Amino acid sequence: MVPIQEDETALVLWALWRHFEKGRDVEFVRKLYGSMIVPCANFLEQFRDAETKLPKPSWNLWEDRLGVHTFTCATVVAGLRAAANFAGLFNDAYEAAKYSKAADEIVEAMRTHLYSAEHGRFLRSLQTNGGDSLTPDATVDASLFAVFYFDCFASDDPMVTGTMQAINDNLLVTTEFGGVARFENDGYMRVSEDVTGNPWFICTLWLGRILYRHRQNH
C-alpha cells in the first residue's frame, strides 16, 4: 500500500481548473501543464485497480483509515475531468480522451461497487483489512456529499438523494449549537454518547450545498 491521500492530488487539479475558469489566464496554466497537470493526471489515471477500475486504496480525507473511499473516488473523477479540460485547451486530444475515459470508468465503477442497493445510498468506502481484501463500510459520512458536488451524479439522482437523506437523518447535531457531524459515532471531541458527534463547519456547509441545489432545481 502506498501511504498517500489521493484526494489531495486530485483536488489540486480540480481547483486549478476552477481558478482558470475565473481568470482565463492561459499563460499561467501553460507553465503548469507539462510540469504538474499531466504528471498528476497520469498518476490518477494509472493508480487504479485493473479489474474494478476504481482508484487503489489510499488514506481518506479525515486521515484515519485506509481504503477505497467514495469521497476520494469523486475527487479523482473531478481531477481527471479538469485535466481533460486542460488537455483540450492545449490541443492535446490523446491525453484529453484518456483522462475523460478514466473519469467515466470510475463513475461507473462507483455505481457498481460503492452504491448499496440494500442501504439505498452510497457506502463510505471499501475498507482495507490487510492484503487485497476490502470490506464494505456503510457508515454514514458527511463527505459523501462529494458524489454530487464533483458532478459524478446529478443532485436529483435517487442514489444521491438517498445518500443526502441519510446524512440529514443521522448526522445532524441536535443540541443548541446544531451543525453536522463528520460521520456516525465519531469519537473526536465528542462530549457524550447522547450527542451525534462534534459538529464541523465544513460538514454543515456541505449539507447546505445540497439543500441549496435542491431549492434551485425546484
N, C-alpha and C. Protein backbone atom coordinates (compact mmCIF):
# COMPACT_ATOMS: atom_id res chain seq x y z
N MET A 1 0.83 -1.19 0.00
CA MET A 1 0.00 0.00 0.00
C MET A 1 0.87 1.25 0.00
N VAL A 2 0.50 2.21 -0.84
CA VAL A 2 1.23 3.47 -0.90
C VAL A 2 0.62 4.42 0.14
N PRO A 3 1.42 4.96 1.07
CA PRO A 3 0.87 5.81 2.14
C PRO A 3 0.59 7.23 1.66
N ILE A 4 -0.47 7.39 0.87
CA ILE A 4 -0.83 8.70 0.34
C ILE A 4 -2.29 9.00 0.62
N GLN A 5 -2.67 10.25 0.43
CA GLN A 5 -4.05 10.71 0.50
C GLN A 5 -4.37 11.23 -0.90
N GLU A 6 -4.92 10.38 -1.74
CA GLU A 6 -5.02 10.68 -3.17
C GLU A 6 -5.89 11.89 -3.48
N ASP A 7 -6.89 12.14 -2.65
CA ASP A 7 -7.76 13.29 -2.94
C ASP A 7 -6.99 14.60 -2.96
N GLU A 8 -5.86 14.66 -2.25
CA GLU A 8 -5.08 15.90 -2.22
C GLU A 8 -4.46 16.19 -3.58
N THR A 9 -4.10 15.16 -4.33
CA THR A 9 -3.59 15.37 -5.69
C THR A 9 -4.73 15.75 -6.62
N ALA A 10 -5.84 15.03 -6.53
CA ALA A 10 -6.97 15.26 -7.42
C ALA A 10 -7.56 16.66 -7.23
N LEU A 11 -7.67 17.09 -5.99
CA LEU A 11 -8.30 18.38 -5.72
C LEU A 11 -7.46 19.56 -6.21
N VAL A 12 -6.16 19.38 -6.30
CA VAL A 12 -5.31 20.44 -6.85
C VAL A 12 -5.67 20.70 -8.31
N LEU A 13 -5.86 19.63 -9.09
CA LEU A 13 -6.22 19.78 -10.49
C LEU A 13 -7.61 20.40 -10.63
N TRP A 14 -8.55 19.92 -9.81
CA TRP A 14 -9.91 20.47 -9.84
C TRP A 14 -9.90 21.95 -9.51
N ALA A 15 -9.20 22.32 -8.44
CA ALA A 15 -9.16 23.72 -8.02
C ALA A 15 -8.46 24.59 -9.06
N LEU A 16 -7.44 24.05 -9.70
CA LEU A 16 -6.71 24.82 -10.71
C LEU A 16 -7.62 25.13 -11.90
N TRP A 17 -8.44 24.16 -12.31
CA TRP A 17 -9.36 24.43 -13.41
C TRP A 17 -10.41 25.46 -13.00
N ARG A 18 -10.92 25.35 -11.78
CA ARG A 18 -11.88 26.34 -11.29
C ARG A 18 -11.25 27.73 -11.28
N HIS A 19 -9.99 27.80 -10.88
CA HIS A 19 -9.26 29.07 -10.88
C HIS A 19 -9.13 29.60 -12.31
N PHE A 20 -8.80 28.72 -13.24
CA PHE A 20 -8.64 29.13 -14.63
C PHE A 20 -9.96 29.65 -15.20
N GLU A 21 -11.07 29.01 -14.85
CA GLU A 21 -12.37 29.45 -15.35
C GLU A 21 -12.68 30.88 -14.92
N LYS A 22 -12.16 31.28 -13.77
CA LYS A 22 -12.40 32.64 -13.28
C LYS A 22 -11.58 33.68 -14.04
N GLY A 23 -10.29 33.38 -14.26
CA GLY A 23 -9.41 34.40 -14.84
C GLY A 23 -8.99 34.18 -16.27
N ARG A 24 -9.13 32.92 -16.77
CA ARG A 24 -8.76 32.57 -18.15
C ARG A 24 -7.32 32.98 -18.47
N ASP A 25 -6.42 32.81 -17.51
CA ASP A 25 -5.01 33.14 -17.70
C ASP A 25 -4.31 31.94 -18.33
N VAL A 26 -4.29 31.89 -19.65
CA VAL A 26 -3.74 30.74 -20.37
C VAL A 26 -2.25 30.59 -20.12
N GLU A 27 -1.54 31.70 -20.09
CA GLU A 27 -0.09 31.61 -19.92
C GLU A 27 0.29 31.07 -18.55
N PHE A 28 -0.51 31.38 -17.56
CA PHE A 28 -0.25 30.87 -16.21
C PHE A 28 -0.35 29.35 -16.19
N VAL A 29 -1.44 28.78 -16.75
CA VAL A 29 -1.61 27.33 -16.71
C VAL A 29 -0.73 26.63 -17.73
N ARG A 30 -0.32 27.33 -18.79
CA ARG A 30 0.58 26.73 -19.76
C ARG A 30 1.90 26.31 -19.10
N LYS A 31 2.37 27.12 -18.16
CA LYS A 31 3.61 26.82 -17.45
C LYS A 31 3.47 25.58 -16.57
N LEU A 32 2.25 25.29 -16.15
CA LEU A 32 2.00 24.17 -15.24
C LEU A 32 1.58 22.90 -15.96
N TYR A 33 1.21 23.02 -17.23
CA TYR A 33 0.61 21.88 -17.92
C TYR A 33 1.55 20.68 -17.99
N GLY A 34 2.73 20.87 -18.55
CA GLY A 34 3.66 19.75 -18.70
C GLY A 34 4.34 19.34 -17.41
N SER A 35 4.56 20.31 -16.54
CA SER A 35 5.34 20.04 -15.33
C SER A 35 4.51 19.51 -14.17
N MET A 36 3.21 19.86 -14.13
CA MET A 36 2.39 19.44 -12.99
C MET A 36 1.09 18.76 -13.40
N ILE A 37 0.33 19.37 -14.29
CA ILE A 37 -1.00 18.86 -14.62
C ILE A 37 -0.93 17.46 -15.22
N VAL A 38 -0.11 17.28 -16.24
CA VAL A 38 -0.02 15.98 -16.90
C VAL A 38 0.53 14.90 -15.96
N PRO A 39 1.62 15.14 -15.24
CA PRO A 39 2.11 14.10 -14.32
C PRO A 39 1.08 13.72 -13.26
N CYS A 40 0.38 14.70 -12.70
CA CYS A 40 -0.64 14.41 -11.69
C CYS A 40 -1.78 13.60 -12.30
N ALA A 41 -2.24 14.02 -13.47
CA ALA A 41 -3.35 13.31 -14.11
C ALA A 41 -2.96 11.90 -14.53
N ASN A 42 -1.73 11.74 -15.01
CA ASN A 42 -1.27 10.40 -15.38
C ASN A 42 -1.25 9.48 -14.16
N PHE A 43 -0.85 10.03 -13.03
CA PHE A 43 -0.86 9.23 -11.80
C PHE A 43 -2.28 8.81 -11.45
N LEU A 44 -3.23 9.75 -11.48
CA LEU A 44 -4.61 9.43 -11.15
C LEU A 44 -5.18 8.39 -12.10
N GLU A 45 -4.85 8.51 -13.36
CA GLU A 45 -5.36 7.58 -14.37
C GLU A 45 -4.80 6.17 -14.18
N GLN A 46 -3.54 6.10 -13.75
CA GLN A 46 -2.86 4.81 -13.63
C GLN A 46 -3.03 4.15 -12.27
N PHE A 47 -3.23 4.94 -11.22
CA PHE A 47 -3.31 4.40 -9.86
C PHE A 47 -4.70 3.83 -9.61
N ARG A 48 -5.03 2.79 -10.37
CA ARG A 48 -6.36 2.19 -10.30
C ARG A 48 -6.25 0.68 -10.36
N ASP A 49 -7.27 0.04 -9.80
CA ASP A 49 -7.35 -1.41 -9.88
C ASP A 49 -7.76 -1.80 -11.30
N ALA A 50 -7.02 -2.70 -11.90
CA ALA A 50 -7.26 -3.07 -13.30
C ALA A 50 -8.62 -3.73 -13.49
N GLU A 51 -9.12 -4.40 -12.46
CA GLU A 51 -10.39 -5.12 -12.59
C GLU A 51 -11.59 -4.23 -12.31
N THR A 52 -11.58 -3.52 -11.19
CA THR A 52 -12.74 -2.70 -10.82
C THR A 52 -12.74 -1.33 -11.48
N LYS A 53 -11.58 -0.84 -11.88
CA LYS A 53 -11.38 0.50 -12.44
C LYS A 53 -11.43 1.60 -11.37
N LEU A 54 -11.65 1.22 -10.11
CA LEU A 54 -11.63 2.19 -9.03
C LEU A 54 -10.19 2.55 -8.67
N PRO A 55 -9.99 3.72 -8.05
CA PRO A 55 -8.66 4.03 -7.52
C PRO A 55 -8.21 2.97 -6.52
N LYS A 56 -6.92 2.77 -6.44
CA LYS A 56 -6.39 1.85 -5.43
C LYS A 56 -6.54 2.46 -4.04
N PRO A 57 -6.44 1.65 -2.99
CA PRO A 57 -6.61 2.17 -1.63
C PRO A 57 -5.62 3.28 -1.30
N SER A 58 -6.12 4.27 -0.56
CA SER A 58 -5.28 5.34 -0.02
C SER A 58 -5.96 5.82 1.26
N TRP A 59 -5.36 6.81 1.92
CA TRP A 59 -5.94 7.33 3.16
C TRP A 59 -7.08 8.29 2.83
N ASN A 60 -8.08 8.33 3.70
CA ASN A 60 -9.25 9.17 3.45
C ASN A 60 -8.98 10.62 3.84
N LEU A 61 -9.95 11.49 3.57
CA LEU A 61 -9.77 12.91 3.85
C LEU A 61 -9.61 13.21 5.33
N TRP A 62 -10.19 12.35 6.20
CA TRP A 62 -10.05 12.56 7.64
C TRP A 62 -8.73 11.99 8.17
N GLU A 63 -8.00 11.31 7.32
CA GLU A 63 -6.68 10.76 7.64
C GLU A 63 -6.74 9.75 8.78
N ASP A 64 -7.82 8.96 8.81
CA ASP A 64 -7.93 7.99 9.90
C ASP A 64 -8.19 6.56 9.45
N ARG A 65 -8.27 6.32 8.12
CA ARG A 65 -8.49 4.94 7.67
C ARG A 65 -8.07 4.80 6.21
N LEU A 66 -7.68 3.57 5.90
CA LEU A 66 -7.18 3.24 4.57
C LEU A 66 -8.23 2.44 3.81
N GLY A 67 -8.44 2.80 2.55
CA GLY A 67 -9.41 2.06 1.75
C GLY A 67 -9.69 2.76 0.43
N VAL A 68 -10.74 2.29 -0.21
CA VAL A 68 -11.21 2.91 -1.45
C VAL A 68 -12.43 3.73 -1.07
N HIS A 69 -12.26 5.03 -0.93
CA HIS A 69 -13.28 5.89 -0.36
C HIS A 69 -14.11 6.57 -1.43
N THR A 70 -15.40 6.67 -1.18
CA THR A 70 -16.28 7.32 -2.14
C THR A 70 -15.88 8.77 -2.35
N PHE A 71 -15.52 9.47 -1.29
CA PHE A 71 -15.08 10.86 -1.43
C PHE A 71 -13.85 10.94 -2.34
N THR A 72 -12.88 10.09 -2.09
CA THR A 72 -11.66 10.10 -2.89
C THR A 72 -11.97 9.82 -4.35
N CYS A 73 -12.82 8.83 -4.60
CA CYS A 73 -13.18 8.49 -5.98
C CYS A 73 -13.80 9.69 -6.68
N ALA A 74 -14.69 10.40 -5.99
CA ALA A 74 -15.34 11.56 -6.59
C ALA A 74 -14.34 12.65 -6.93
N THR A 75 -13.37 12.86 -6.04
CA THR A 75 -12.36 13.89 -6.32
C THR A 75 -11.46 13.49 -7.47
N VAL A 76 -11.17 12.20 -7.60
CA VAL A 76 -10.34 11.73 -8.71
C VAL A 76 -11.08 11.95 -10.03
N VAL A 77 -12.38 11.69 -10.04
CA VAL A 77 -13.17 11.99 -11.24
C VAL A 77 -13.06 13.47 -11.59
N ALA A 78 -13.21 14.33 -10.58
CA ALA A 78 -13.13 15.77 -10.81
C ALA A 78 -11.74 16.18 -11.29
N GLY A 79 -10.70 15.60 -10.70
CA GLY A 79 -9.34 15.93 -11.11
C GLY A 79 -9.05 15.50 -12.53
N LEU A 80 -9.50 14.31 -12.90
CA LEU A 80 -9.27 13.81 -14.26
C LEU A 80 -10.04 14.64 -15.28
N ARG A 81 -11.25 15.03 -14.97
CA ARG A 81 -12.01 15.86 -15.90
C ARG A 81 -11.39 17.24 -16.04
N ALA A 82 -10.86 17.76 -14.95
CA ALA A 82 -10.14 19.04 -15.05
C ALA A 82 -8.92 18.90 -15.96
N ALA A 83 -8.19 17.81 -15.78
CA ALA A 83 -7.01 17.57 -16.62
C ALA A 83 -7.41 17.42 -18.08
N ALA A 84 -8.54 16.76 -18.34
CA ALA A 84 -9.04 16.62 -19.71
C ALA A 84 -9.36 17.98 -20.30
N ASN A 85 -9.93 18.86 -19.48
CA ASN A 85 -10.22 20.22 -19.95
C ASN A 85 -8.93 20.96 -20.31
N PHE A 86 -7.92 20.82 -19.47
CA PHE A 86 -6.63 21.47 -19.77
C PHE A 86 -6.02 20.88 -21.04
N ALA A 87 -6.10 19.56 -21.19
CA ALA A 87 -5.54 18.92 -22.38
C ALA A 87 -6.26 19.42 -23.63
N GLY A 88 -7.57 19.59 -23.55
CA GLY A 88 -8.31 20.14 -24.67
C GLY A 88 -7.91 21.57 -24.97
N LEU A 89 -7.66 22.33 -23.92
CA LEU A 89 -7.24 23.72 -24.08
C LEU A 89 -5.95 23.82 -24.88
N PHE A 90 -5.05 22.85 -24.67
CA PHE A 90 -3.75 22.87 -25.35
C PHE A 90 -3.69 21.89 -26.53
N ASN A 91 -4.88 21.54 -27.04
CA ASN A 91 -4.99 20.70 -28.24
C ASN A 91 -4.28 19.35 -28.11
N ASP A 92 -4.32 18.81 -26.91
CA ASP A 92 -3.71 17.50 -26.65
C ASP A 92 -4.85 16.48 -26.63
N ALA A 93 -5.31 16.08 -27.81
CA ALA A 93 -6.50 15.25 -27.93
C ALA A 93 -6.33 13.88 -27.29
N TYR A 94 -5.14 13.30 -27.41
CA TYR A 94 -4.92 11.97 -26.85
C TYR A 94 -5.07 11.97 -25.34
N GLU A 95 -4.41 12.92 -24.68
CA GLU A 95 -4.50 12.99 -23.22
C GLU A 95 -5.92 13.34 -22.78
N ALA A 96 -6.57 14.24 -23.49
CA ALA A 96 -7.94 14.62 -23.13
C ALA A 96 -8.86 13.41 -23.15
N ALA A 97 -8.74 12.60 -24.20
CA ALA A 97 -9.58 11.40 -24.31
C ALA A 97 -9.24 10.38 -23.23
N LYS A 98 -7.96 10.24 -22.93
CA LYS A 98 -7.53 9.27 -21.92
C LYS A 98 -8.07 9.64 -20.54
N TYR A 99 -7.98 10.91 -20.18
CA TYR A 99 -8.44 11.33 -18.86
C TYR A 99 -9.96 11.27 -18.76
N SER A 100 -10.65 11.65 -19.82
CA SER A 100 -12.12 11.59 -19.82
C SER A 100 -12.60 10.15 -19.69
N LYS A 101 -11.95 9.25 -20.40
CA LYS A 101 -12.33 7.83 -20.34
C LYS A 101 -12.13 7.28 -18.94
N ALA A 102 -11.02 7.60 -18.31
CA ALA A 102 -10.75 7.12 -16.96
C ALA A 102 -11.78 7.66 -15.98
N ALA A 103 -12.14 8.94 -16.12
CA ALA A 103 -13.14 9.53 -15.23
C ALA A 103 -14.48 8.82 -15.38
N ASP A 104 -14.90 8.57 -16.62
CA ASP A 104 -16.17 7.89 -16.86
C ASP A 104 -16.15 6.46 -16.31
N GLU A 105 -15.02 5.80 -16.43
CA GLU A 105 -14.90 4.44 -15.90
C GLU A 105 -15.04 4.43 -14.38
N ILE A 106 -14.48 5.42 -13.72
CA ILE A 106 -14.58 5.48 -12.27
C ILE A 106 -16.01 5.74 -11.83
N VAL A 107 -16.71 6.62 -12.54
CA VAL A 107 -18.11 6.88 -12.21
C VAL A 107 -18.93 5.59 -12.29
N GLU A 108 -18.75 4.83 -13.35
CA GLU A 108 -19.48 3.58 -13.49
C GLU A 108 -19.06 2.57 -12.43
N ALA A 109 -17.79 2.58 -12.08
CA ALA A 109 -17.31 1.68 -11.03
C ALA A 109 -17.88 2.07 -9.67
N MET A 110 -18.06 3.36 -9.42
CA MET A 110 -18.69 3.81 -8.19
C MET A 110 -20.13 3.31 -8.12
N ARG A 111 -20.82 3.39 -9.25
CA ARG A 111 -22.20 2.91 -9.31
C ARG A 111 -22.26 1.41 -8.99
N THR A 112 -21.27 0.67 -9.50
CA THR A 112 -21.27 -0.78 -9.34
C THR A 112 -20.79 -1.23 -7.97
N HIS A 113 -19.72 -0.62 -7.47
CA HIS A 113 -19.04 -1.13 -6.28
C HIS A 113 -19.26 -0.32 -5.01
N LEU A 114 -19.65 0.94 -5.13
CA LEU A 114 -19.75 1.79 -3.94
C LEU A 114 -21.18 2.20 -3.61
N TYR A 115 -22.12 1.90 -4.49
CA TYR A 115 -23.52 2.15 -4.16
C TYR A 115 -24.13 0.88 -3.57
N SER A 116 -24.86 1.04 -2.48
CA SER A 116 -25.50 -0.10 -1.82
C SER A 116 -27.01 -0.03 -2.02
N ALA A 117 -27.53 -0.94 -2.82
CA ALA A 117 -28.98 -1.01 -3.00
C ALA A 117 -29.67 -1.38 -1.68
N GLU A 118 -28.98 -2.16 -0.88
CA GLU A 118 -29.53 -2.57 0.42
C GLU A 118 -29.80 -1.37 1.31
N HIS A 119 -28.86 -0.43 1.32
CA HIS A 119 -29.00 0.74 2.18
C HIS A 119 -29.65 1.92 1.46
N GLY A 120 -29.74 1.85 0.14
CA GLY A 120 -30.32 2.95 -0.63
C GLY A 120 -29.45 4.17 -0.66
N ARG A 121 -28.15 3.99 -0.57
CA ARG A 121 -27.21 5.11 -0.56
C ARG A 121 -25.81 4.60 -0.85
N PHE A 122 -24.90 5.55 -1.01
CA PHE A 122 -23.51 5.18 -1.24
C PHE A 122 -22.84 4.73 0.06
N LEU A 123 -21.94 3.79 -0.08
CA LEU A 123 -21.09 3.38 1.03
C LEU A 123 -20.05 4.45 1.30
N ARG A 124 -19.54 4.48 2.53
CA ARG A 124 -18.43 5.39 2.79
C ARG A 124 -17.19 4.93 2.05
N SER A 125 -16.95 3.61 2.05
CA SER A 125 -15.72 3.11 1.44
C SER A 125 -15.75 1.60 1.34
N LEU A 126 -14.74 1.09 0.67
CA LEU A 126 -14.37 -0.32 0.75
C LEU A 126 -13.10 -0.31 1.58
N GLN A 127 -13.20 -0.74 2.81
CA GLN A 127 -12.11 -0.58 3.77
C GLN A 127 -11.08 -1.68 3.65
N THR A 128 -9.82 -1.30 3.71
CA THR A 128 -8.72 -2.25 3.62
C THR A 128 -8.55 -2.99 4.94
N ASN A 129 -8.44 -4.30 4.84
CA ASN A 129 -8.24 -5.13 6.04
C ASN A 129 -6.93 -5.89 5.99
N GLY A 130 -6.01 -5.38 5.19
CA GLY A 130 -4.74 -6.08 5.03
C GLY A 130 -4.77 -6.93 3.77
N GLY A 131 -3.67 -7.00 3.08
CA GLY A 131 -3.63 -7.76 1.84
C GLY A 131 -4.50 -7.10 0.79
N ASP A 132 -5.19 -7.92 0.01
CA ASP A 132 -6.03 -7.40 -1.06
C ASP A 132 -7.51 -7.38 -0.70
N SER A 133 -7.84 -7.77 0.52
CA SER A 133 -9.25 -7.85 0.90
C SER A 133 -9.82 -6.47 1.23
N LEU A 134 -11.06 -6.25 0.78
CA LEU A 134 -11.76 -5.00 1.03
C LEU A 134 -13.14 -5.31 1.59
N THR A 135 -13.55 -4.57 2.61
CA THR A 135 -14.84 -4.79 3.26
C THR A 135 -15.71 -3.54 3.11
N PRO A 136 -16.95 -3.69 2.63
CA PRO A 136 -17.83 -2.52 2.52
C PRO A 136 -18.05 -1.86 3.87
N ASP A 137 -17.91 -0.55 3.90
CA ASP A 137 -18.12 0.24 5.11
C ASP A 137 -19.32 1.15 4.85
N ALA A 138 -20.45 0.83 5.48
CA ALA A 138 -21.70 1.55 5.24
C ALA A 138 -21.92 2.71 6.20
N THR A 139 -20.90 3.09 6.96
CA THR A 139 -21.02 4.22 7.88
C THR A 139 -21.47 5.47 7.13
N VAL A 140 -22.46 6.17 7.67
CA VAL A 140 -22.89 7.43 7.06
C VAL A 140 -21.84 8.49 7.34
N ASP A 141 -21.33 9.11 6.28
CA ASP A 141 -20.24 10.07 6.39
C ASP A 141 -20.62 11.33 5.61
N ALA A 142 -20.43 12.49 6.23
CA ALA A 142 -20.81 13.75 5.58
C ALA A 142 -20.07 13.97 4.27
N SER A 143 -18.90 13.39 4.13
CA SER A 143 -18.11 13.59 2.90
C SER A 143 -18.75 12.95 1.68
N LEU A 144 -19.79 12.14 1.88
CA LEU A 144 -20.49 11.53 0.75
C LEU A 144 -21.19 12.57 -0.11
N PHE A 145 -21.27 13.80 0.37
CA PHE A 145 -21.82 14.88 -0.46
C PHE A 145 -21.05 15.00 -1.77
N ALA A 146 -19.82 14.48 -1.79
CA ALA A 146 -18.95 14.62 -2.96
C ALA A 146 -19.51 13.97 -4.21
N VAL A 147 -20.41 12.99 -4.05
CA VAL A 147 -20.92 12.29 -5.23
C VAL A 147 -21.70 13.22 -6.15
N PHE A 148 -22.29 14.28 -5.59
CA PHE A 148 -22.97 15.25 -6.45
C PHE A 148 -22.14 16.52 -6.64
N TYR A 149 -21.40 16.92 -5.60
CA TYR A 149 -20.66 18.18 -5.68
C TYR A 149 -19.61 18.16 -6.77
N PHE A 150 -18.98 17.01 -6.99
CA PHE A 150 -17.97 16.89 -8.03
C PHE A 150 -18.54 16.32 -9.32
N ASP A 151 -19.86 16.41 -9.45
CA ASP A 151 -20.56 16.10 -10.71
C ASP A 151 -20.38 14.66 -11.18
N CYS A 152 -20.29 13.75 -10.23
CA CYS A 152 -20.29 12.33 -10.61
C CYS A 152 -21.72 11.88 -10.92
N PHE A 153 -22.66 12.36 -10.11
CA PHE A 153 -24.07 12.02 -10.29
C PHE A 153 -24.90 13.28 -10.05
N ALA A 154 -26.05 13.35 -10.70
CA ALA A 154 -26.91 14.52 -10.57
C ALA A 154 -27.47 14.62 -9.15
N SER A 155 -27.71 15.84 -8.71
CA SER A 155 -28.19 16.04 -7.34
C SER A 155 -29.56 15.42 -7.11
N ASP A 156 -30.35 15.23 -8.19
CA ASP A 156 -31.67 14.63 -8.03
C ASP A 156 -31.69 13.14 -8.37
N ASP A 157 -30.52 12.56 -8.59
CA ASP A 157 -30.42 11.12 -8.80
C ASP A 157 -30.84 10.41 -7.50
N PRO A 158 -31.70 9.42 -7.57
CA PRO A 158 -32.14 8.73 -6.34
C PRO A 158 -30.97 8.19 -5.50
N MET A 159 -29.86 7.81 -6.14
CA MET A 159 -28.71 7.35 -5.38
C MET A 159 -28.14 8.48 -4.52
N VAL A 160 -28.20 9.69 -5.05
CA VAL A 160 -27.70 10.86 -4.32
C VAL A 160 -28.69 11.29 -3.26
N THR A 161 -29.96 11.39 -3.62
CA THR A 161 -30.95 11.85 -2.64
C THR A 161 -31.05 10.90 -1.45
N GLY A 162 -30.91 9.61 -1.72
CA GLY A 162 -30.91 8.65 -0.61
C GLY A 162 -29.71 8.84 0.30
N THR A 163 -28.58 9.17 -0.29
CA THR A 163 -27.36 9.40 0.49
C THR A 163 -27.47 10.67 1.31
N MET A 164 -27.96 11.74 0.70
CA MET A 164 -28.09 13.01 1.42
C MET A 164 -29.14 12.92 2.52
N GLN A 165 -30.18 12.14 2.28
CA GLN A 165 -31.20 11.95 3.33
C GLN A 165 -30.60 11.23 4.53
N ALA A 166 -29.73 10.26 4.26
CA ALA A 166 -29.08 9.53 5.36
C ALA A 166 -28.19 10.47 6.18
N ILE A 167 -27.50 11.39 5.49
CA ILE A 167 -26.68 12.37 6.21
C ILE A 167 -27.57 13.25 7.08
N ASN A 168 -28.66 13.71 6.50
CA ASN A 168 -29.59 14.57 7.24
C ASN A 168 -30.19 13.84 8.44
N ASP A 169 -30.52 12.57 8.26
CA ASP A 169 -31.17 11.80 9.32
C ASP A 169 -30.22 11.37 10.43
N ASN A 170 -28.97 11.14 10.09
CA ASN A 170 -28.05 10.53 11.05
C ASN A 170 -26.96 11.45 11.60
N LEU A 171 -26.68 12.57 10.93
CA LEU A 171 -25.52 13.36 11.34
C LEU A 171 -25.85 14.76 11.85
N LEU A 172 -27.10 15.15 11.84
CA LEU A 172 -27.45 16.44 12.43
C LEU A 172 -27.23 16.40 13.94
N VAL A 173 -26.60 17.41 14.47
CA VAL A 173 -26.34 17.50 15.91
C VAL A 173 -27.50 18.24 16.56
N THR A 174 -28.28 17.54 17.35
CA THR A 174 -29.50 18.10 17.93
C THR A 174 -29.23 18.72 19.29
N THR A 175 -28.36 19.70 19.32
CA THR A 175 -28.09 20.47 20.53
C THR A 175 -28.38 21.93 20.22
N GLU A 176 -28.16 22.80 21.18
CA GLU A 176 -28.40 24.22 20.95
C GLU A 176 -27.45 24.79 19.90
N PHE A 177 -26.33 24.10 19.64
CA PHE A 177 -25.34 24.59 18.69
C PHE A 177 -25.64 24.11 17.26
N GLY A 178 -26.28 22.94 17.13
CA GLY A 178 -26.61 22.43 15.82
C GLY A 178 -25.40 22.00 15.03
N GLY A 179 -25.53 21.99 13.71
CA GLY A 179 -24.43 21.60 12.84
C GLY A 179 -24.50 20.14 12.43
N VAL A 180 -23.48 19.70 11.71
CA VAL A 180 -23.41 18.35 11.18
C VAL A 180 -22.10 17.70 11.59
N ALA A 181 -22.19 16.46 12.08
CA ALA A 181 -21.00 15.71 12.47
C ALA A 181 -20.32 15.11 11.24
N ARG A 182 -19.07 14.67 11.41
CA ARG A 182 -18.34 14.09 10.29
C ARG A 182 -18.93 12.77 9.86
N PHE A 183 -19.15 11.88 10.81
CA PHE A 183 -19.68 10.55 10.49
C PHE A 183 -20.27 9.93 11.74
N GLU A 184 -21.00 8.86 11.57
CA GLU A 184 -21.64 8.18 12.69
C GLU A 184 -20.61 7.74 13.72
N ASN A 185 -20.93 7.96 15.00
CA ASN A 185 -20.09 7.51 16.12
C ASN A 185 -18.67 8.06 16.04
N ASP A 186 -18.54 9.29 15.56
CA ASP A 186 -17.23 9.94 15.52
C ASP A 186 -16.83 10.33 16.94
N GLY A 187 -15.76 9.74 17.44
CA GLY A 187 -15.35 9.98 18.82
C GLY A 187 -14.53 11.24 19.03
N TYR A 188 -14.13 11.90 17.95
CA TYR A 188 -13.26 13.08 18.09
C TYR A 188 -14.02 14.24 18.74
N MET A 189 -13.54 14.68 19.91
CA MET A 189 -14.12 15.80 20.65
C MET A 189 -15.61 15.59 20.96
N ARG A 190 -16.02 14.35 21.03
CA ARG A 190 -17.42 14.05 21.31
C ARG A 190 -17.65 14.16 22.82
N VAL A 191 -18.60 14.97 23.22
CA VAL A 191 -18.78 15.23 24.65
C VAL A 191 -19.62 14.17 25.34
N SER A 192 -20.43 13.44 24.57
CA SER A 192 -21.31 12.45 25.18
C SER A 192 -21.79 11.49 24.11
N GLU A 193 -22.07 10.26 24.51
CA GLU A 193 -22.64 9.30 23.57
C GLU A 193 -24.07 9.64 23.21
N ASP A 194 -24.65 10.57 23.94
CA ASP A 194 -26.00 11.03 23.63
C ASP A 194 -26.02 12.05 22.51
N VAL A 195 -24.83 12.52 22.13
CA VAL A 195 -24.70 13.51 21.06
C VAL A 195 -24.14 12.83 19.83
N THR A 196 -24.69 13.16 18.66
CA THR A 196 -24.27 12.52 17.42
C THR A 196 -22.77 12.58 17.22
N GLY A 197 -22.19 13.73 17.50
CA GLY A 197 -20.75 13.92 17.34
C GLY A 197 -20.43 15.40 17.40
N ASN A 198 -19.17 15.70 17.26
CA ASN A 198 -18.74 17.09 17.26
C ASN A 198 -19.11 17.72 15.93
N PRO A 199 -19.89 18.82 15.91
CA PRO A 199 -20.26 19.43 14.64
C PRO A 199 -19.05 20.11 13.98
N TRP A 200 -18.95 19.91 12.67
CA TRP A 200 -17.86 20.52 11.89
C TRP A 200 -18.47 21.54 10.94
N PHE A 201 -17.84 22.72 10.86
CA PHE A 201 -18.34 23.76 9.97
C PHE A 201 -18.41 23.27 8.52
N ILE A 202 -17.35 22.58 8.07
CA ILE A 202 -17.29 22.15 6.68
C ILE A 202 -18.40 21.17 6.36
N CYS A 203 -18.70 20.27 7.29
CA CYS A 203 -19.77 19.29 7.07
C CYS A 203 -21.13 19.98 7.00
N THR A 204 -21.31 20.98 7.84
CA THR A 204 -22.56 21.74 7.84
C THR A 204 -22.73 22.48 6.51
N LEU A 205 -21.65 23.05 6.02
CA LEU A 205 -21.70 23.75 4.73
C LEU A 205 -21.98 22.78 3.59
N TRP A 206 -21.43 21.57 3.67
CA TRP A 206 -21.68 20.57 2.63
C TRP A 206 -23.17 20.25 2.54
N LEU A 207 -23.81 20.03 3.67
CA LEU A 207 -25.24 19.75 3.66
C LEU A 207 -26.00 20.95 3.11
N GLY A 208 -25.54 22.14 3.46
CA GLY A 208 -26.17 23.35 2.95
C GLY A 208 -26.11 23.42 1.43
N ARG A 209 -25.01 22.93 0.83
CA ARG A 209 -24.87 22.95 -0.62
C ARG A 209 -25.94 22.10 -1.30
N ILE A 210 -26.19 20.91 -0.78
CA ILE A 210 -27.18 20.06 -1.40
C ILE A 210 -28.58 20.63 -1.21
N LEU A 211 -28.86 21.22 -0.06
CA LEU A 211 -30.18 21.82 0.17
C LEU A 211 -30.39 23.01 -0.77
N TYR A 212 -29.33 23.78 -0.98
CA TYR A 212 -29.40 24.93 -1.90
C TYR A 212 -29.61 24.46 -3.32
N ARG A 213 -28.91 23.39 -3.73
CA ARG A 213 -29.06 22.86 -5.08
C ARG A 213 -30.48 22.36 -5.32
N HIS A 214 -31.04 21.69 -4.34
CA HIS A 214 -32.41 21.22 -4.47
C HIS A 214 -33.39 22.38 -4.59
N ARG A 215 -33.15 23.44 -3.85
CA ARG A 215 -34.05 24.60 -3.93
C ARG A 215 -33.96 25.23 -5.30
N GLN A 216 -32.76 25.29 -5.88
CA GLN A 216 -32.59 25.84 -7.22
C GLN A 216 -33.34 25.03 -8.25
N ASN A 217 -33.30 23.69 -8.08
CA ASN A 217 -33.91 22.80 -9.07
C ASN A 217 -35.44 22.78 -8.96
N HIS A 218 -35.97 23.27 -7.85
CA HIS A 218 -37.42 23.22 -7.69
C HIS A 218 -37.99 24.61 -7.47
